[in-house]
Amino acid sequence: MRSSSRASATGTLFEGWCGDRGAARAHPGRSRRPPPIAAMQDRYEEMLQRIRTAVDAAIGPRAWHVHPGSAGYGSCGDRAFEPNVQGRDVTLPSWGFDEPITDADWPAVKRAVLDVLGEHGFRPGGMAVDTGGSHELNAYEPTYGGYFNLGNVTHTVMRVSTGCHPGEWRIYE
């Protein structure tokens, strides 16, 4: 019984965030077609750049670097947008720096990140950790199912996933 409850809670927590069936159920009456996946990749790349700039402005420059091989690609197979158009989702390459965000700096970082995310339609949600040198911020974009995560313990890493969109994705090296 307990594991059944846990599965139910997990399904509820992420329903509407995930780029696959959860997003389809969350917006069954949506009449507007989502933007193409490549356009969302461009939009979220720009958003990640703005977040890096905002964090640097809030707590000083960091040695940001992309994590090679961290991109992910998926299919939202049961969610056709029109005949012969496959739904796809992408997790963009993650970015980070090789040090944690201190407890003293975390409130400024969180505020800076949430400001940029808010401009892109994201809302905070999911598990949050704000203490003891361990920090995590999760946010979701309810219209198209995008998901953002920033976390750190010994290193700092952020990533974003697009949610389900039509078209062909751009592959990251």
Protein backbone atom coordinates (compact mmCIF):
# COMPACT_ATOMS: atom_id res chain seq x y z
CA MET A 1 0.00 0.00 0.00
CA ARG A 2 2.77 2.41 0.90
CA SER A 3 4.63 2.01 -2.43
CA SER A 4 1.33 2.52 -4.25
CA SER A 5 0.85 5.82 -2.43
CA ARG A 6 4.38 6.88 -3.25
CA ALA A 7 3.85 6.15 -6.95
CA SER A 8 0.62 8.10 -6.88
CA ALA A 9 2.26 11.05 -5.17
CA THR A 10 5.12 11.04 -7.68
CA GLY A 11 2.70 10.91 -10.60
CA THR A 12 0.75 13.83 -9.19
CA LEU A 13 3.86 15.85 -8.41
CA PHE A 14 5.19 15.64 -11.95
CA GLU A 15 1.94 15.50 -13.92
CA GLY A 16 1.83 18.55 -16.15
CA TRP A 17 5.58 19.15 -15.91
CA CYS A 18 6.87 16.27 -17.94
CA GLY A 19 7.12 16.65 -21.67
CA ASP A 20 5.18 13.48 -22.39
CA ARG A 21 1.82 12.17 -21.28
CA GLY A 22 1.74 14.39 -18.16
CA ALA A 23 1.74 17.56 -20.27
CA ALA A 24 -0.95 16.19 -22.56
CA ARG A 25 -3.24 15.45 -19.60
CA ALA A 26 -2.51 18.80 -17.97
CA HIS A 27 -3.72 20.79 -21.00
CA PRO A 28 -6.32 18.72 -22.83
CA GLY A 29 -8.22 21.76 -24.13
CA ARG A 30 -5.19 23.64 -25.45
CA SER A 31 -5.93 24.75 -28.97
CA ARG A 32 -2.59 26.39 -29.71
CA ARG A 33 0.12 24.15 -31.14
CA PRO A 34 3.38 24.27 -29.17
CA PRO A 35 6.37 25.94 -30.84
CA PRO A 36 8.78 23.66 -32.72
CA ILE A 37 11.34 21.85 -30.56
CA ALA A 38 14.28 23.69 -32.18
CA ALA A 39 12.70 27.06 -31.29
CA MET A 40 12.37 25.93 -27.67
CA GLN A 41 16.01 24.82 -27.64
CA ASP A 42 16.97 28.34 -28.80
CA ARG A 43 14.68 29.96 -26.20
CA TYR A 44 16.03 27.88 -23.33
CA GLU A 45 19.67 28.33 -24.41
CA GLU A 46 19.08 32.09 -24.20
CA MET A 47 17.37 31.63 -20.81
CA LEU A 48 20.33 29.63 -19.44
CA GLN A 49 22.72 32.36 -20.63
CA ARG A 50 20.61 34.99 -18.85
CA ILE A 51 20.60 32.88 -15.67
CA ARG A 52 24.41 32.55 -15.78
CA THR A 53 24.70 36.32 -16.19
CA ALA A 54 22.21 36.95 -13.35
CA VAL A 55 24.02 34.59 -10.97
CA ASP A 56 27.36 36.23 -11.81
CA ALA A 57 25.82 39.66 -11.14
CA ALA A 58 24.38 38.47 -7.83
CA ILE A 59 27.45 36.76 -6.32
CA GLY A 60 30.39 37.52 -8.59
CA PRO A 61 31.74 35.84 -11.72
CA ARG A 62 31.88 32.06 -11.79
CA ALA A 63 33.85 29.76 -14.09
CA TRP A 64 30.77 28.33 -15.84
CA HIS A 65 31.27 25.38 -18.16
CA VAL A 66 29.02 23.08 -20.12
CA HIS A 67 29.00 19.39 -19.19
CA PRO A 68 29.70 17.48 -22.42
CA GLY A 69 27.43 14.54 -23.05
CA SER A 70 24.75 15.77 -20.64
CA ALA A 71 22.09 16.48 -23.29
CA GLY A 72 19.20 14.06 -23.59
CA TYR A 73 16.63 13.38 -26.29
CA GLY A 74 13.25 11.71 -26.07
CA SER A 75 10.07 11.04 -27.93
CA CYS A 76 6.55 11.80 -26.75
CA GLY A 77 5.33 8.92 -28.89
CA ASP A 78 1.66 8.96 -27.96
CA ARG A 79 1.31 12.69 -28.53
CA ALA A 80 1.07 13.42 -32.25
CA PHE A 81 0.47 17.07 -33.05
CA GLU A 82 -0.89 16.28 -36.49
CA PRO A 83 -0.55 13.29 -38.80
CA ASN A 84 3.08 12.20 -39.16
CA VAL A 85 4.46 14.84 -36.75
CA GLN A 86 6.29 13.27 -33.82
CA GLY A 87 6.44 14.98 -30.45
CA ARG A 88 9.95 15.33 -29.03
CA ASP A 89 11.57 16.57 -25.86
CA VAL A 90 15.16 17.62 -25.20
CA THR A 91 17.19 18.10 -22.05
CA LEU A 92 19.73 20.75 -22.98
CA PRO A 93 23.37 20.30 -21.95
CA SER A 94 23.77 21.12 -18.29
CA TRP A 95 25.91 24.04 -17.13
CA GLY A 96 27.76 24.44 -13.88
CA PHE A 97 30.81 25.53 -11.98
CA ASP A 98 33.15 23.57 -9.74
CA GLU A 99 32.17 25.03 -6.38
CA PRO A 100 29.02 25.13 -4.29
CA ILE A 101 26.86 28.15 -3.68
CA THR A 102 27.30 29.16 -0.05
CA ASP A 103 24.37 29.35 2.35
CA ALA A 104 24.96 33.12 2.56
CA ASP A 105 24.81 33.51 -1.25
CA TRP A 106 21.90 31.13 -1.86
CA PRO A 107 19.06 33.66 -1.28
CA ALA A 108 20.55 36.08 -3.85
CA VAL A 109 21.12 33.26 -6.37
CA LYS A 110 17.62 31.90 -5.87
CA ARG A 111 16.07 35.36 -6.34
CA ALA A 112 18.15 36.05 -9.49
CA VAL A 113 17.30 32.66 -11.02
CA LEU A 114 13.59 32.89 -10.21
CA ASP A 115 13.42 36.38 -11.79
CA VAL A 116 14.76 35.06 -15.11
CA LEU A 117 12.67 31.90 -14.94
CA GLY A 118 9.54 33.97 -14.26
CA GLU A 119 10.15 35.98 -17.43
CA HIS A 120 10.06 32.65 -19.32
CA GLY A 121 6.83 31.44 -17.70
CA PHE A 122 8.41 29.09 -15.14
CA ARG A 123 7.02 28.67 -11.63
CA PRO A 124 8.84 27.24 -8.63
CA GLY A 125 7.67 23.77 -7.68
CA GLY A 126 8.80 20.37 -6.52
CA MET A 127 11.42 19.62 -3.94
CA ALA A 128 13.47 22.55 -2.66
CA VAL A 129 16.54 22.36 -0.42
CA ASP A 130 17.82 25.53 1.21
CA THR A 131 20.11 24.54 4.05
CA GLY A 132 23.39 23.15 5.27
CA GLY A 133 25.44 23.79 2.13
CA SER A 134 23.02 21.79 0.02
CA HIS A 135 20.68 23.72 -2.24
CA GLU A 136 18.18 22.76 -4.90
CA LEU A 137 15.64 24.77 -6.86
CA ASN A 138 13.10 23.20 -9.22
CA ALA A 139 10.70 25.01 -11.50
CA TYR A 140 8.29 24.09 -14.25
CA GLU A 141 6.69 25.83 -17.22
CA PRO A 142 3.02 24.81 -17.13
CA THR A 143 2.03 25.66 -20.69
CA TYR A 144 4.43 23.34 -22.53
CA GLY A 145 5.89 21.19 -19.76
CA GLY A 146 9.41 22.63 -19.48
CA TYR A 147 11.35 21.72 -16.34
CA PHE A 148 14.34 23.47 -14.71
CA ASN A 149 16.69 22.32 -11.95
CA LEU A 150 19.56 24.08 -10.16
CA GLY A 151 21.38 22.26 -7.40
CA ASN A 152 24.64 21.99 -5.55
CA VAL A 153 26.52 20.28 -2.78
CA THR A 154 30.20 20.22 -3.87
CA HIS A 155 29.59 21.55 -7.42
CA THR A 156 26.80 23.63 -8.92
CA VAL A 157 24.77 22.29 -11.86
CA MET A 158 21.73 23.58 -13.73
CA ARG A 159 19.69 21.95 -16.47
CA VAL A 160 16.47 22.51 -18.37
CA SER A 161 14.17 20.21 -20.34
CA THR A 162 11.86 21.49 -23.04
CA GLY A 163 8.70 19.47 -22.60
CA CYS A 164 6.97 17.95 -25.62
CA HIS A 165 7.13 19.88 -28.92
CA PRO A 166 6.75 19.00 -32.59
CA GLY A 167 9.54 18.85 -35.13
CA GLU A 168 13.16 17.81 -35.30
CA TRP A 169 15.60 18.58 -32.53
CA ARG A 170 19.08 19.98 -32.86
CA ILE A 171 21.77 17.57 -31.63
CA TYR A 172 24.38 18.89 -29.18
CA GLU A 173 28.04 17.87 -29.50
